[in-house]
Amino acid sequence: GLYNTKLELYSDPGKKTPLSRVTSGSTVYVSRWNDLQSQAPSGGSNGFNCNFVNVDIGGKVTSVLLENPQGKSVTNLTDAFKNLAKGKKVKLYSDNQKKKEVSVDSLCTLVGKTLYL
């Protein structure tokens, strides 16, 4: 957890631009306070520390981690989406018209994208 952990927020993965205020919909890069050792991820994570997808549920957007920690896939993704759907059948779409359905198994190809539930 993040309890009692001092964090620094940045607007770029290289930790060059600190944030004093976060705006809705923006990407935030987080580092432990005074951690000069850690670096931006390389290669496989599309520039993100952990792979994730955003999920739009009736106009409210939330994020779901696909791995945590970086490189370790989350094993209960179907349960996470069922929880977001409040027990209803989970149907994820890649478009806001809800015509292009995607499966939970294909989420690794949609890292950083917004899906619709």
N, C-alpha and C. Protein backbone atom coordinates (compact mmCIF):
# COMPACT_ATOMS: atom_id res chain seq x y z
N GLY A 1 0.81 -1.19 0.00
CA GLY A 1 0.00 0.00 0.00
C GLY A 1 0.85 1.24 0.00
N LEU A 2 0.20 2.35 -0.08
CA LEU A 2 0.89 3.63 -0.13
C LEU A 2 0.76 4.42 1.16
N TYR A 3 0.23 3.79 2.21
CA TYR A 3 0.09 4.49 3.47
C TYR A 3 1.46 4.86 4.01
N ASN A 4 1.57 6.07 4.52
CA ASN A 4 2.81 6.58 5.12
C ASN A 4 3.98 6.57 4.14
N THR A 5 3.72 6.64 2.85
CA THR A 5 4.77 6.71 1.84
C THR A 5 4.71 8.08 1.19
N LYS A 6 5.82 8.80 1.24
CA LYS A 6 5.87 10.11 0.60
C LYS A 6 6.08 9.91 -0.89
N LEU A 7 5.23 10.55 -1.70
CA LEU A 7 5.29 10.39 -3.14
C LEU A 7 5.53 11.74 -3.82
N GLU A 8 6.14 11.67 -4.98
CA GLU A 8 6.29 12.84 -5.84
C GLU A 8 5.55 12.54 -7.14
N LEU A 9 4.85 13.54 -7.66
CA LEU A 9 4.07 13.38 -8.88
C LEU A 9 4.71 14.18 -10.01
N TYR A 10 4.73 13.56 -11.20
CA TYR A 10 5.34 14.19 -12.37
C TYR A 10 4.42 14.07 -13.58
N SER A 11 4.61 14.96 -14.54
CA SER A 11 3.81 14.89 -15.77
C SER A 11 4.54 14.16 -16.88
N ASP A 12 5.78 13.73 -16.62
CA ASP A 12 6.56 13.02 -17.64
C ASP A 12 7.26 11.82 -17.01
N PRO A 13 7.49 10.76 -17.80
CA PRO A 13 8.11 9.56 -17.24
C PRO A 13 9.56 9.75 -16.80
N GLY A 14 10.23 10.77 -17.32
CA GLY A 14 11.62 11.03 -16.95
C GLY A 14 11.77 11.81 -15.64
N LYS A 15 10.66 12.13 -14.99
CA LYS A 15 10.64 12.85 -13.71
C LYS A 15 11.33 14.21 -13.81
N LYS A 16 11.05 14.93 -14.88
CA LYS A 16 11.64 16.25 -15.06
C LYS A 16 10.65 17.38 -14.74
N THR A 17 9.35 17.10 -14.82
CA THR A 17 8.35 18.13 -14.60
C THR A 17 7.43 17.75 -13.44
N PRO A 18 7.72 18.27 -12.23
CA PRO A 18 6.88 17.95 -11.07
C PRO A 18 5.49 18.56 -11.21
N LEU A 19 4.52 17.89 -10.63
CA LEU A 19 3.14 18.38 -10.64
C LEU A 19 2.78 18.93 -9.27
N SER A 20 2.13 20.07 -9.26
CA SER A 20 1.61 20.59 -8.00
C SER A 20 0.10 20.37 -7.95
N ARG A 21 -0.50 20.17 -9.14
CA ARG A 21 -1.94 19.95 -9.23
C ARG A 21 -2.21 18.95 -10.35
N VAL A 22 -3.12 18.03 -10.12
CA VAL A 22 -3.47 17.01 -11.10
C VAL A 22 -4.81 17.37 -11.73
N THR A 23 -4.87 17.32 -13.05
CA THR A 23 -6.12 17.59 -13.74
C THR A 23 -6.76 16.29 -14.20
N SER A 24 -8.07 16.27 -14.21
CA SER A 24 -8.80 15.08 -14.60
C SER A 24 -8.42 14.66 -16.01
N GLY A 25 -8.18 13.37 -16.19
CA GLY A 25 -7.85 12.82 -17.50
C GLY A 25 -6.37 12.86 -17.85
N SER A 26 -5.55 13.45 -16.99
CA SER A 26 -4.12 13.53 -17.31
C SER A 26 -3.40 12.28 -16.81
N THR A 27 -2.26 11.98 -17.42
CA THR A 27 -1.42 10.87 -16.97
C THR A 27 -0.46 11.40 -15.93
N VAL A 28 -0.35 10.69 -14.82
CA VAL A 28 0.52 11.09 -13.73
C VAL A 28 1.55 9.99 -13.50
N TYR A 29 2.79 10.38 -13.40
CA TYR A 29 3.87 9.45 -13.10
C TYR A 29 4.26 9.66 -11.64
N VAL A 30 4.36 8.57 -10.91
CA VAL A 30 4.56 8.63 -9.46
C VAL A 30 5.90 8.02 -9.10
N SER A 31 6.58 8.66 -8.16
CA SER A 31 7.84 8.15 -7.66
C SER A 31 7.84 8.33 -6.15
N ARG A 32 8.55 7.45 -5.47
CA ARG A 32 8.72 7.66 -4.04
C ARG A 32 9.52 8.93 -3.84
N TRP A 33 9.21 9.64 -2.79
CA TRP A 33 9.89 10.88 -2.48
C TRP A 33 11.39 10.66 -2.37
N ASN A 34 12.15 11.51 -3.04
CA ASN A 34 13.60 11.51 -2.99
C ASN A 34 14.22 10.22 -3.52
N ASP A 35 13.52 9.53 -4.43
CA ASP A 35 14.04 8.29 -5.02
C ASP A 35 14.70 8.64 -6.35
N LEU A 36 15.97 8.90 -6.31
CA LEU A 36 16.70 9.28 -7.51
C LEU A 36 17.18 8.06 -8.29
N GLN A 37 17.06 6.89 -7.71
CA GLN A 37 17.56 5.67 -8.33
C GLN A 37 16.63 5.13 -9.41
N SER A 38 15.31 5.24 -9.20
CA SER A 38 14.39 4.63 -10.15
C SER A 38 14.38 5.41 -11.44
N GLN A 39 14.05 4.68 -12.51
CA GLN A 39 14.05 5.29 -13.83
C GLN A 39 12.75 4.98 -14.52
N ALA A 40 12.50 5.69 -15.60
CA ALA A 40 11.33 5.41 -16.41
C ALA A 40 11.47 4.01 -16.98
N PRO A 41 10.36 3.30 -17.15
CA PRO A 41 10.43 1.95 -17.70
C PRO A 41 10.96 1.97 -19.13
N SER A 42 11.56 0.87 -19.51
CA SER A 42 12.04 0.78 -20.89
C SER A 42 11.31 -0.33 -21.62
N GLY A 43 11.15 -0.15 -22.89
CA GLY A 43 10.63 -1.22 -23.73
C GLY A 43 9.18 -1.57 -23.54
N GLY A 44 8.92 -2.75 -22.95
CA GLY A 44 7.65 -3.42 -23.01
C GLY A 44 6.43 -2.80 -22.38
N SER A 45 6.52 -1.71 -21.65
CA SER A 45 5.35 -1.19 -20.97
C SER A 45 4.76 0.05 -21.64
N ASN A 46 5.09 0.32 -22.89
CA ASN A 46 4.54 1.46 -23.61
C ASN A 46 4.74 2.77 -22.87
N GLY A 47 5.82 2.90 -22.09
CA GLY A 47 6.09 4.12 -21.36
C GLY A 47 5.40 4.21 -20.02
N PHE A 48 4.61 3.23 -19.63
CA PHE A 48 3.92 3.24 -18.35
C PHE A 48 4.65 2.33 -17.38
N ASN A 49 4.55 2.63 -16.09
CA ASN A 49 5.19 1.77 -15.09
C ASN A 49 4.51 0.42 -14.99
N CYS A 50 3.20 0.38 -15.04
CA CYS A 50 2.44 -0.86 -15.07
C CYS A 50 1.41 -0.75 -16.18
N ASN A 51 1.22 -1.83 -16.91
CA ASN A 51 0.21 -1.82 -17.97
C ASN A 51 -1.18 -1.66 -17.35
N PHE A 52 -2.04 -0.87 -18.01
CA PHE A 52 -3.37 -0.60 -17.52
C PHE A 52 -4.28 -0.28 -18.68
N VAL A 53 -5.58 -0.30 -18.44
CA VAL A 53 -6.57 0.24 -19.36
C VAL A 53 -7.47 1.17 -18.57
N ASN A 54 -8.00 2.17 -19.23
CA ASN A 54 -9.02 3.03 -18.64
C ASN A 54 -10.36 2.43 -19.01
N VAL A 55 -11.34 2.55 -18.13
CA VAL A 55 -12.66 2.01 -18.38
C VAL A 55 -13.69 3.11 -18.14
N ASP A 56 -14.46 3.41 -19.18
CA ASP A 56 -15.52 4.41 -19.11
C ASP A 56 -16.82 3.69 -18.80
N ILE A 57 -17.42 4.03 -17.67
CA ILE A 57 -18.69 3.43 -17.26
C ILE A 57 -19.69 4.57 -17.16
N GLY A 58 -20.46 4.76 -18.21
CA GLY A 58 -21.45 5.82 -18.21
C GLY A 58 -20.89 7.21 -18.01
N GLY A 59 -19.71 7.48 -18.56
CA GLY A 59 -19.11 8.80 -18.46
C GLY A 59 -18.12 8.95 -17.31
N LYS A 60 -18.09 8.01 -16.40
CA LYS A 60 -17.11 8.04 -15.31
C LYS A 60 -15.98 7.09 -15.67
N VAL A 61 -14.75 7.62 -15.69
CA VAL A 61 -13.60 6.83 -16.13
C VAL A 61 -12.76 6.42 -14.93
N THR A 62 -12.40 5.15 -14.92
CA THR A 62 -11.51 4.61 -13.89
C THR A 62 -10.43 3.79 -14.58
N SER A 63 -9.37 3.48 -13.88
CA SER A 63 -8.28 2.69 -14.47
C SER A 63 -8.21 1.32 -13.82
N VAL A 64 -7.83 0.32 -14.62
CA VAL A 64 -7.66 -1.04 -14.14
C VAL A 64 -6.24 -1.47 -14.49
N LEU A 65 -5.48 -1.86 -13.47
CA LEU A 65 -4.12 -2.34 -13.71
C LEU A 65 -4.17 -3.73 -14.33
N LEU A 66 -3.38 -3.94 -15.37
CA LEU A 66 -3.27 -5.26 -16.00
C LEU A 66 -2.11 -6.05 -15.41
N GLU A 67 -1.22 -5.35 -14.73
CA GLU A 67 -0.11 -5.99 -14.04
C GLU A 67 0.22 -5.18 -12.80
N ASN A 68 0.69 -5.87 -11.78
CA ASN A 68 1.09 -5.22 -10.55
C ASN A 68 1.81 -6.24 -9.68
N PRO A 69 3.12 -6.05 -9.41
CA PRO A 69 3.97 -4.98 -9.90
C PRO A 69 4.28 -5.15 -11.38
N GLN A 70 5.05 -4.22 -11.91
CA GLN A 70 5.39 -4.25 -13.33
C GLN A 70 5.93 -5.62 -13.72
N GLY A 71 5.37 -6.17 -14.79
CA GLY A 71 5.82 -7.45 -15.31
C GLY A 71 5.05 -8.65 -14.78
N LYS A 72 4.25 -8.47 -13.72
CA LYS A 72 3.47 -9.57 -13.15
C LYS A 72 2.00 -9.34 -13.44
N SER A 73 1.44 -10.17 -14.31
CA SER A 73 0.04 -10.01 -14.72
C SER A 73 -0.91 -10.19 -13.55
N VAL A 74 -1.96 -9.38 -13.55
CA VAL A 74 -3.02 -9.51 -12.56
C VAL A 74 -3.86 -10.72 -12.97
N THR A 75 -4.11 -11.62 -12.05
CA THR A 75 -4.77 -12.88 -12.40
C THR A 75 -6.30 -12.82 -12.33
N ASN A 76 -6.87 -11.87 -11.64
CA ASN A 76 -8.32 -11.83 -11.46
C ASN A 76 -8.97 -10.66 -12.21
N LEU A 77 -8.57 -10.43 -13.44
CA LEU A 77 -9.12 -9.31 -14.21
C LEU A 77 -10.62 -9.44 -14.45
N THR A 78 -11.08 -10.64 -14.72
CA THR A 78 -12.51 -10.84 -14.95
C THR A 78 -13.30 -10.41 -13.72
N ASP A 79 -12.81 -10.77 -12.54
CA ASP A 79 -13.47 -10.36 -11.29
C ASP A 79 -13.45 -8.85 -11.12
N ALA A 80 -12.35 -8.21 -11.50
CA ALA A 80 -12.26 -6.75 -11.40
C ALA A 80 -13.32 -6.09 -12.28
N PHE A 81 -13.49 -6.60 -13.49
CA PHE A 81 -14.49 -6.02 -14.39
C PHE A 81 -15.92 -6.33 -13.94
N LYS A 82 -16.13 -7.52 -13.36
CA LYS A 82 -17.45 -7.84 -12.80
C LYS A 82 -17.79 -6.88 -11.67
N ASN A 83 -16.79 -6.55 -10.87
CA ASN A 83 -16.99 -5.60 -9.79
C ASN A 83 -17.37 -4.22 -10.34
N LEU A 84 -16.68 -3.79 -11.39
CA LEU A 84 -17.01 -2.51 -12.01
C LEU A 84 -18.40 -2.51 -12.63
N ALA A 85 -18.81 -3.67 -13.17
CA ALA A 85 -20.12 -3.79 -13.81
C ALA A 85 -21.23 -4.02 -12.78
N LYS A 86 -20.86 -4.03 -11.51
CA LYS A 86 -21.81 -4.23 -10.41
C LYS A 86 -22.61 -5.51 -10.57
N GLY A 87 -21.91 -6.60 -10.93
CA GLY A 87 -22.53 -7.91 -11.02
C GLY A 87 -23.20 -8.22 -12.35
N LYS A 88 -23.35 -7.23 -13.21
CA LYS A 88 -23.95 -7.47 -14.53
C LYS A 88 -22.95 -8.21 -15.41
N LYS A 89 -23.43 -8.75 -16.51
CA LYS A 89 -22.54 -9.43 -17.44
C LYS A 89 -21.51 -8.44 -17.98
N VAL A 90 -20.26 -8.86 -18.01
CA VAL A 90 -19.18 -7.99 -18.45
C VAL A 90 -19.07 -8.01 -19.97
N LYS A 91 -19.27 -6.85 -20.57
CA LYS A 91 -19.03 -6.67 -22.00
C LYS A 91 -18.20 -5.41 -22.16
N LEU A 92 -16.99 -5.58 -22.67
CA LEU A 92 -16.07 -4.47 -22.88
C LEU A 92 -16.03 -4.12 -24.36
N TYR A 93 -15.96 -2.83 -24.64
CA TYR A 93 -15.93 -2.36 -26.03
C TYR A 93 -14.76 -1.40 -26.21
N SER A 94 -14.19 -1.39 -27.39
CA SER A 94 -13.08 -0.49 -27.69
C SER A 94 -13.56 0.84 -28.25
N ASP A 95 -14.85 0.97 -28.52
CA ASP A 95 -15.41 2.22 -29.05
C ASP A 95 -16.59 2.67 -28.20
N ASN A 96 -16.82 3.98 -28.16
CA ASN A 96 -17.88 4.49 -27.30
C ASN A 96 -19.28 4.23 -27.86
N GLN A 97 -19.39 3.76 -29.09
CA GLN A 97 -20.70 3.36 -29.63
C GLN A 97 -21.04 1.93 -29.24
N LYS A 98 -20.09 1.27 -28.60
CA LYS A 98 -20.24 -0.11 -28.11
C LYS A 98 -20.60 -1.08 -29.23
N LYS A 99 -19.82 -1.00 -30.32
CA LYS A 99 -20.00 -1.91 -31.45
C LYS A 99 -18.85 -2.89 -31.59
N LYS A 100 -17.66 -2.54 -31.07
CA LYS A 100 -16.47 -3.38 -31.20
C LYS A 100 -16.14 -4.01 -29.85
N GLU A 101 -16.71 -5.20 -29.61
CA GLU A 101 -16.49 -5.87 -28.32
C GLU A 101 -15.07 -6.45 -28.26
N VAL A 102 -14.46 -6.37 -27.08
CA VAL A 102 -13.13 -6.93 -26.85
C VAL A 102 -13.21 -7.88 -25.66
N SER A 103 -12.36 -8.89 -25.66
CA SER A 103 -12.35 -9.85 -24.55
C SER A 103 -11.31 -9.43 -23.52
N VAL A 104 -11.52 -9.88 -22.31
CA VAL A 104 -10.57 -9.61 -21.23
C VAL A 104 -9.20 -10.18 -21.58
N ASP A 105 -9.17 -11.30 -22.32
CA ASP A 105 -7.90 -11.93 -22.69
C ASP A 105 -7.08 -11.11 -23.68
N SER A 106 -7.71 -10.16 -24.38
CA SER A 106 -6.99 -9.38 -25.39
C SER A 106 -6.54 -8.01 -24.88
N LEU A 107 -6.66 -7.75 -23.59
CA LEU A 107 -6.36 -6.42 -23.06
C LEU A 107 -4.90 -6.02 -23.18
N CYS A 108 -4.00 -6.99 -23.26
CA CYS A 108 -2.58 -6.65 -23.37
C CYS A 108 -2.28 -5.90 -24.66
N THR A 109 -3.17 -5.96 -25.64
CA THR A 109 -2.98 -5.21 -26.89
C THR A 109 -3.60 -3.81 -26.82
N LEU A 110 -4.24 -3.50 -25.70
CA LEU A 110 -4.96 -2.22 -25.57
C LEU A 110 -4.42 -1.37 -24.42
N VAL A 111 -3.19 -1.59 -24.04
CA VAL A 111 -2.58 -0.87 -22.91
C VAL A 111 -2.68 0.64 -23.08
N GLY A 112 -3.17 1.31 -22.05
CA GLY A 112 -3.28 2.77 -22.05
C GLY A 112 -4.51 3.30 -22.75
N LYS A 113 -5.30 2.43 -23.37
CA LYS A 113 -6.50 2.86 -24.10
C LYS A 113 -7.69 2.94 -23.17
N THR A 114 -8.74 3.63 -23.64
CA THR A 114 -10.00 3.70 -22.90
C THR A 114 -10.96 2.70 -23.50
N LEU A 115 -11.51 1.87 -22.64
CA LEU A 115 -12.53 0.89 -23.03
C LEU A 115 -13.87 1.32 -22.43
N TYR A 116 -14.94 0.75 -22.94
CA TYR A 116 -16.28 1.14 -22.51
C TYR A 116 -17.01 -0.09 -21.98
N LEU A 117 -17.64 0.05 -20.82
CA LEU A 117 -18.33 -1.05 -20.16
C LEU A 117 -19.82 -0.79 -20.17
